[in-house]
């Protein structure tokens, strides 16, 4: 079972992602976070395998939250989500330690496939 933490400030998007991942046989959503600070605290407490992290969030943006999570838990993999594909965001995310960057509009099946590919054979 792959354990997921969802960090997204929009409640409807967060709920939709959670429902989608919970419907998969091999994923468990261990928690959701509405801002970057909450994401960091939950990642340290719950040790998820993956964090799906919105780049733009209140209190602490997704890039800095990624940096803090990776410093505390380098084995936790982070996939950054953004509404816009901007080279500077992709580069900043990679520098912070994110394993991947995906657009928010990507179909859920592509998100699942990306995580399955990153985690390797189970």
N, C-alpha and C. Protein backbone atom coordinates (compact mmCIF):
# COMPACT_ATOMS: atom_id res chain seq x y z
N UNK A 1 0.85 -1.18 0.00
CA UNK A 1 0.00 0.00 0.00
C UNK A 1 0.90 1.24 0.00
N UNK A 2 0.67 2.13 -0.94
CA UNK A 2 1.42 3.38 -1.02
C UNK A 2 0.67 4.45 -0.26
N UNK A 3 1.35 5.07 0.69
CA UNK A 3 0.74 6.06 1.58
C UNK A 3 0.96 7.47 1.01
N UNK A 4 -0.14 8.21 0.87
CA UNK A 4 -0.14 9.52 0.21
C UNK A 4 -0.59 10.61 1.18
N UNK A 5 0.11 11.74 1.14
CA UNK A 5 -0.33 12.97 1.80
C UNK A 5 -0.67 13.96 0.69
N UNK A 6 -1.87 14.53 0.74
CA UNK A 6 -2.31 15.50 -0.26
C UNK A 6 -2.25 16.90 0.34
N UNK A 7 -1.51 17.79 -0.29
CA UNK A 7 -1.40 19.17 0.17
C UNK A 7 -1.93 20.10 -0.91
N UNK A 8 -3.09 20.68 -0.66
CA UNK A 8 -3.79 21.51 -1.64
C UNK A 8 -4.69 22.47 -0.88
N UNK A 9 -4.62 23.77 -1.21
CA UNK A 9 -5.40 24.74 -0.44
C UNK A 9 -6.86 24.84 -0.87
N UNK A 10 -7.21 24.37 -2.04
CA UNK A 10 -8.61 24.40 -2.47
C UNK A 10 -9.31 23.13 -2.01
N UNK A 11 -10.31 23.29 -1.15
CA UNK A 11 -10.98 22.15 -0.52
C UNK A 11 -11.58 21.18 -1.54
N UNK A 12 -12.20 21.69 -2.59
CA UNK A 12 -12.84 20.81 -3.58
C UNK A 12 -11.81 19.98 -4.33
N UNK A 13 -10.68 20.60 -4.69
CA UNK A 13 -9.62 19.87 -5.39
C UNK A 13 -9.03 18.82 -4.46
N UNK A 14 -8.80 19.20 -3.21
CA UNK A 14 -8.25 18.29 -2.21
C UNK A 14 -9.19 17.08 -2.03
N UNK A 15 -10.47 17.33 -1.89
CA UNK A 15 -11.44 16.25 -1.71
C UNK A 15 -11.51 15.36 -2.94
N UNK A 16 -11.47 15.95 -4.12
CA UNK A 16 -11.50 15.17 -5.35
C UNK A 16 -10.30 14.26 -5.50
N UNK A 17 -9.12 14.80 -5.20
CA UNK A 17 -7.90 13.99 -5.26
C UNK A 17 -7.96 12.86 -4.24
N UNK A 18 -8.40 13.18 -3.03
CA UNK A 18 -8.48 12.16 -1.98
C UNK A 18 -9.42 11.03 -2.41
N UNK A 19 -10.58 11.37 -2.93
CA UNK A 19 -11.54 10.36 -3.36
C UNK A 19 -10.97 9.50 -4.48
N UNK A 20 -10.28 10.14 -5.42
CA UNK A 20 -9.70 9.40 -6.54
C UNK A 20 -8.66 8.39 -6.05
N UNK A 21 -7.75 8.85 -5.17
CA UNK A 21 -6.70 7.94 -4.70
C UNK A 21 -7.25 6.85 -3.80
N UNK A 22 -8.24 7.16 -2.99
CA UNK A 22 -8.84 6.15 -2.12
C UNK A 22 -9.55 5.07 -2.93
N UNK A 23 -9.97 5.38 -4.14
CA UNK A 23 -10.64 4.39 -4.99
C UNK A 23 -9.65 3.40 -5.61
N UNK A 24 -8.36 3.68 -5.50
CA UNK A 24 -7.34 2.78 -6.04
C UNK A 24 -7.03 1.69 -5.00
N UNK A 25 -6.77 0.49 -5.45
CA UNK A 25 -6.49 -0.62 -4.53
C UNK A 25 -5.15 -0.50 -3.81
N UNK A 26 -4.21 0.22 -4.40
CA UNK A 26 -2.85 0.22 -3.86
C UNK A 26 -2.43 1.56 -3.25
N UNK A 27 -3.40 2.45 -2.96
CA UNK A 27 -3.10 3.75 -2.37
C UNK A 27 -3.94 3.97 -1.12
N UNK A 28 -3.33 4.65 -0.16
CA UNK A 28 -4.04 5.07 1.05
C UNK A 28 -3.70 6.54 1.27
N UNK A 29 -4.73 7.38 1.38
CA UNK A 29 -4.51 8.79 1.72
C UNK A 29 -4.44 8.86 3.23
N UNK A 30 -3.24 9.13 3.74
CA UNK A 30 -3.05 9.15 5.19
C UNK A 30 -3.47 10.47 5.81
N UNK A 31 -3.47 11.55 5.01
CA UNK A 31 -3.89 12.86 5.51
C UNK A 31 -3.98 13.84 4.35
N UNK A 32 -4.66 14.95 4.62
CA UNK A 32 -4.70 16.06 3.68
C UNK A 32 -4.29 17.32 4.43
N UNK A 33 -3.70 18.25 3.71
CA UNK A 33 -3.25 19.51 4.29
C UNK A 33 -3.75 20.67 3.44
N UNK A 34 -4.14 21.76 4.11
CA UNK A 34 -4.67 22.93 3.41
C UNK A 34 -3.62 24.02 3.21
N UNK A 35 -2.43 23.84 3.78
CA UNK A 35 -1.36 24.82 3.59
C UNK A 35 -0.01 24.12 3.76
N UNK A 36 1.04 24.83 3.41
CA UNK A 36 2.38 24.25 3.44
C UNK A 36 2.87 23.88 4.83
N UNK A 37 2.57 24.69 5.82
CA UNK A 37 3.00 24.38 7.20
C UNK A 37 2.37 23.08 7.68
N UNK A 38 1.08 22.95 7.41
CA UNK A 38 0.38 21.73 7.81
C UNK A 38 0.96 20.52 7.09
N UNK A 39 1.30 20.68 5.82
CA UNK A 39 1.89 19.58 5.04
C UNK A 39 3.21 19.12 5.65
N UNK A 40 4.05 20.07 6.03
CA UNK A 40 5.35 19.72 6.63
C UNK A 40 5.13 18.97 7.94
N UNK A 41 4.25 19.48 8.80
CA UNK A 41 3.99 18.84 10.09
C UNK A 41 3.45 17.43 9.91
N UNK A 42 2.49 17.26 8.99
CA UNK A 42 1.90 15.95 8.75
C UNK A 42 2.90 14.98 8.13
N UNK A 43 3.74 15.47 7.25
CA UNK A 43 4.75 14.60 6.63
C UNK A 43 5.73 14.09 7.69
N UNK A 44 6.13 14.96 8.61
CA UNK A 44 7.05 14.53 9.67
C UNK A 44 6.37 13.55 10.62
N UNK A 45 5.11 13.78 10.92
CA UNK A 45 4.38 12.93 11.86
C UNK A 45 4.00 11.58 11.27
N UNK A 46 3.52 11.56 10.01
CA UNK A 46 2.93 10.36 9.43
C UNK A 46 3.83 9.59 8.48
N UNK A 47 4.95 10.18 8.07
CA UNK A 47 5.91 9.51 7.18
C UNK A 47 5.26 8.89 5.94
N UNK A 48 4.58 9.70 5.11
CA UNK A 48 3.98 9.14 3.89
C UNK A 48 5.06 8.74 2.89
N UNK A 49 4.69 7.87 1.96
CA UNK A 49 5.61 7.51 0.89
C UNK A 49 5.73 8.64 -0.13
N UNK A 50 4.58 9.31 -0.38
CA UNK A 50 4.51 10.39 -1.36
C UNK A 50 3.72 11.56 -0.80
N UNK A 51 4.12 12.76 -1.22
CA UNK A 51 3.33 13.96 -0.97
C UNK A 51 2.99 14.56 -2.32
N UNK A 52 1.70 14.77 -2.57
CA UNK A 52 1.27 15.54 -3.75
C UNK A 52 1.09 16.95 -3.24
N UNK A 53 1.93 17.87 -3.73
CA UNK A 53 2.05 19.21 -3.16
C UNK A 53 1.71 20.28 -4.18
N UNK A 54 0.69 21.06 -3.87
CA UNK A 54 0.38 22.25 -4.66
C UNK A 54 1.53 23.24 -4.48
N UNK A 55 1.94 23.89 -5.54
CA UNK A 55 3.05 24.85 -5.44
C UNK A 55 2.62 26.12 -4.72
N UNK A 56 1.44 26.63 -5.03
CA UNK A 56 0.99 27.89 -4.45
C UNK A 56 -0.03 27.62 -3.35
N UNK A 57 0.43 27.82 -2.10
CA UNK A 57 -0.44 27.61 -0.94
C UNK A 57 -0.16 28.70 0.09
N UNK A 58 -1.13 28.92 0.99
CA UNK A 58 -0.92 29.92 2.03
C UNK A 58 0.06 29.44 3.10
N UNK A 59 0.56 30.40 3.86
CA UNK A 59 1.45 30.21 5.00
C UNK A 59 2.85 29.76 4.62
N UNK A 60 2.95 28.81 3.73
CA UNK A 60 4.25 28.31 3.28
C UNK A 60 4.01 27.70 1.90
N UNK A 61 4.72 28.19 0.89
CA UNK A 61 4.46 27.67 -0.46
C UNK A 61 4.99 26.24 -0.61
N UNK A 62 4.56 25.60 -1.68
CA UNK A 62 4.91 24.21 -1.91
C UNK A 62 6.39 23.96 -2.13
N UNK A 63 7.10 24.93 -2.68
CA UNK A 63 8.54 24.77 -2.90
C UNK A 63 9.26 24.70 -1.55
N UNK A 64 8.98 25.66 -0.68
CA UNK A 64 9.64 25.68 0.64
C UNK A 64 9.18 24.49 1.48
N UNK A 65 7.91 24.14 1.40
CA UNK A 65 7.42 22.97 2.13
C UNK A 65 8.14 21.70 1.65
N UNK A 66 8.36 21.59 0.36
CA UNK A 66 9.10 20.46 -0.19
C UNK A 66 10.51 20.43 0.37
N UNK A 67 11.17 21.56 0.37
CA UNK A 67 12.54 21.66 0.90
C UNK A 67 12.60 21.15 2.36
N UNK A 68 11.63 21.59 3.17
CA UNK A 68 11.61 21.19 4.58
C UNK A 68 11.30 19.70 4.75
N UNK A 69 10.36 19.20 3.97
CA UNK A 69 10.02 17.77 4.04
C UNK A 69 11.21 16.92 3.64
N UNK A 70 11.85 17.28 2.54
CA UNK A 70 12.99 16.49 2.06
C UNK A 70 14.17 16.56 3.03
N UNK A 71 14.34 17.68 3.73
CA UNK A 71 15.42 17.78 4.72
C UNK A 71 15.16 16.85 5.90
N UNK A 72 13.90 16.75 6.32
CA UNK A 72 13.54 15.92 7.46
C UNK A 72 13.36 14.46 7.08
N UNK A 73 12.82 14.22 5.87
CA UNK A 73 12.48 12.86 5.44
C UNK A 73 12.87 12.68 3.97
N UNK A 74 14.15 12.51 3.69
CA UNK A 74 14.58 12.41 2.28
C UNK A 74 13.94 11.26 1.51
N UNK A 75 13.48 10.23 2.22
CA UNK A 75 12.87 9.08 1.54
C UNK A 75 11.44 9.37 1.07
N UNK A 76 10.81 10.40 1.61
CA UNK A 76 9.47 10.78 1.16
C UNK A 76 9.60 11.45 -0.21
N UNK A 77 8.84 10.97 -1.16
CA UNK A 77 8.90 11.53 -2.51
C UNK A 77 7.83 12.59 -2.67
N UNK A 78 8.17 13.67 -3.36
CA UNK A 78 7.25 14.78 -3.54
C UNK A 78 6.98 14.99 -5.02
N UNK A 79 5.71 15.09 -5.35
CA UNK A 79 5.28 15.47 -6.70
C UNK A 79 4.60 16.82 -6.56
N UNK A 80 5.15 17.81 -7.24
CA UNK A 80 4.59 19.15 -7.20
C UNK A 80 3.49 19.29 -8.24
N UNK A 81 2.42 19.95 -7.85
CA UNK A 81 1.28 20.20 -8.74
C UNK A 81 1.12 21.69 -8.94
N UNK A 82 0.90 22.09 -10.18
CA UNK A 82 0.70 23.51 -10.46
C UNK A 82 -0.31 23.67 -11.59
N UNK A 83 -1.00 24.78 -11.56
CA UNK A 83 -1.94 25.09 -12.64
C UNK A 83 -1.21 25.56 -13.89
N UNK A 84 0.05 25.98 -13.72
CA UNK A 84 0.81 26.53 -14.84
C UNK A 84 2.17 25.86 -14.93
N UNK A 85 2.58 25.59 -16.16
CA UNK A 85 3.91 25.03 -16.39
C UNK A 85 4.87 26.18 -16.65
N UNK A 86 5.65 26.50 -15.65
CA UNK A 86 6.63 27.57 -15.77
C UNK A 86 8.00 26.99 -15.44
N UNK A 87 8.97 27.25 -16.31
CA UNK A 87 10.31 26.69 -16.13
C UNK A 87 10.91 27.04 -14.78
N UNK A 88 10.69 28.28 -14.31
CA UNK A 88 11.29 28.67 -13.03
C UNK A 88 10.71 27.87 -11.87
N UNK A 89 9.41 27.53 -11.94
CA UNK A 89 8.80 26.71 -10.89
C UNK A 89 9.33 25.28 -10.93
N UNK A 90 9.45 24.74 -12.13
CA UNK A 90 9.97 23.38 -12.27
C UNK A 90 11.39 23.32 -11.73
N UNK A 91 12.22 24.29 -12.09
CA UNK A 91 13.60 24.32 -11.62
C UNK A 91 13.69 24.49 -10.10
N UNK A 92 12.87 25.39 -9.55
CA UNK A 92 12.86 25.61 -8.11
C UNK A 92 12.40 24.35 -7.38
N UNK A 93 11.40 23.68 -7.93
CA UNK A 93 10.92 22.44 -7.33
C UNK A 93 11.97 21.34 -7.34
N UNK A 94 12.67 21.21 -8.45
CA UNK A 94 13.74 20.21 -8.54
C UNK A 94 14.86 20.54 -7.56
N UNK A 95 15.21 21.81 -7.45
CA UNK A 95 16.25 22.22 -6.50
C UNK A 95 15.83 21.94 -5.06
N UNK A 96 14.54 22.01 -4.78
CA UNK A 96 14.03 21.74 -3.43
C UNK A 96 13.97 20.24 -3.12
N UNK A 97 14.10 19.42 -4.16
CA UNK A 97 14.13 17.98 -3.95
C UNK A 97 12.93 17.22 -4.49
N UNK A 98 12.02 17.90 -5.17
CA UNK A 98 10.84 17.20 -5.72
C UNK A 98 11.27 16.21 -6.79
N UNK A 99 10.61 15.08 -6.80
CA UNK A 99 10.92 14.05 -7.80
C UNK A 99 10.22 14.30 -9.12
N UNK A 100 9.11 15.04 -9.09
CA UNK A 100 8.34 15.23 -10.31
C UNK A 100 7.51 16.51 -10.22
N UNK A 101 7.07 16.97 -11.38
CA UNK A 101 6.22 18.16 -11.49
C UNK A 101 5.11 17.80 -12.47
N UNK A 102 3.87 18.04 -12.07
CA UNK A 102 2.75 17.75 -12.95
C UNK A 102 1.76 18.89 -12.92
N UNK A 103 1.06 19.05 -14.03
CA UNK A 103 0.02 20.07 -14.10
C UNK A 103 -1.24 19.57 -13.41
N UNK A 104 -1.96 20.48 -12.77
CA UNK A 104 -3.18 20.11 -12.05
C UNK A 104 -4.25 19.54 -12.97
N UNK A 105 -4.27 19.93 -14.21
CA UNK A 105 -5.30 19.46 -15.13
C UNK A 105 -5.07 18.06 -15.67
N UNK A 106 -3.97 17.43 -15.29
CA UNK A 106 -3.66 16.10 -15.80
C UNK A 106 -4.71 15.11 -15.30
N UNK A 107 -5.10 14.16 -16.13
CA UNK A 107 -6.07 13.15 -15.68
C UNK A 107 -5.53 12.37 -14.48
N UNK A 108 -6.44 11.97 -13.60
CA UNK A 108 -6.05 11.22 -12.40
C UNK A 108 -5.25 9.97 -12.72
N UNK A 109 -5.59 9.32 -13.82
CA UNK A 109 -4.85 8.10 -14.21
C UNK A 109 -3.38 8.40 -14.46
N UNK A 110 -3.07 9.59 -14.96
CA UNK A 110 -1.67 9.96 -15.19
C UNK A 110 -0.94 10.20 -13.87
N UNK A 111 -1.62 10.81 -12.90
CA UNK A 111 -1.03 10.99 -11.57
C UNK A 111 -0.70 9.64 -10.95
N UNK A 112 -1.66 8.74 -11.00
CA UNK A 112 -1.47 7.40 -10.45
C UNK A 112 -0.31 6.70 -11.15
N UNK A 113 -0.27 6.78 -12.47
CA UNK A 113 0.79 6.14 -13.24
C UNK A 113 2.15 6.72 -12.86
N UNK A 114 2.23 8.03 -12.67
CA UNK A 114 3.51 8.67 -12.30
C UNK A 114 3.98 8.17 -10.95
N UNK A 115 3.07 8.05 -9.99
CA UNK A 115 3.45 7.56 -8.66
C UNK A 115 3.88 6.10 -8.73
N UNK A 116 3.13 5.30 -9.45
CA UNK A 116 3.49 3.88 -9.59
C UNK A 116 4.86 3.72 -10.23
N UNK A 117 5.16 4.56 -11.20
CA UNK A 117 6.47 4.49 -11.86
C UNK A 117 7.58 4.90 -10.89
N UNK A 118 7.36 5.96 -10.12
CA UNK A 118 8.38 6.42 -9.17
C UNK A 118 8.60 5.43 -8.04
N UNK A 119 7.56 4.77 -7.59
CA UNK A 119 7.72 3.84 -6.46
C UNK A 119 8.36 2.53 -6.89
N UNK A 120 8.25 2.22 -8.18
CA UNK A 120 8.81 0.96 -8.68
C UNK A 120 7.88 -0.20 -8.41
N UNK A 121 8.35 -1.41 -8.68
CA UNK A 121 7.50 -2.59 -8.49
C UNK A 121 7.14 -2.75 -7.00
N UNK A 122 5.89 -3.14 -6.77
CA UNK A 122 5.50 -3.35 -5.37
C UNK A 122 5.40 -4.80 -5.02
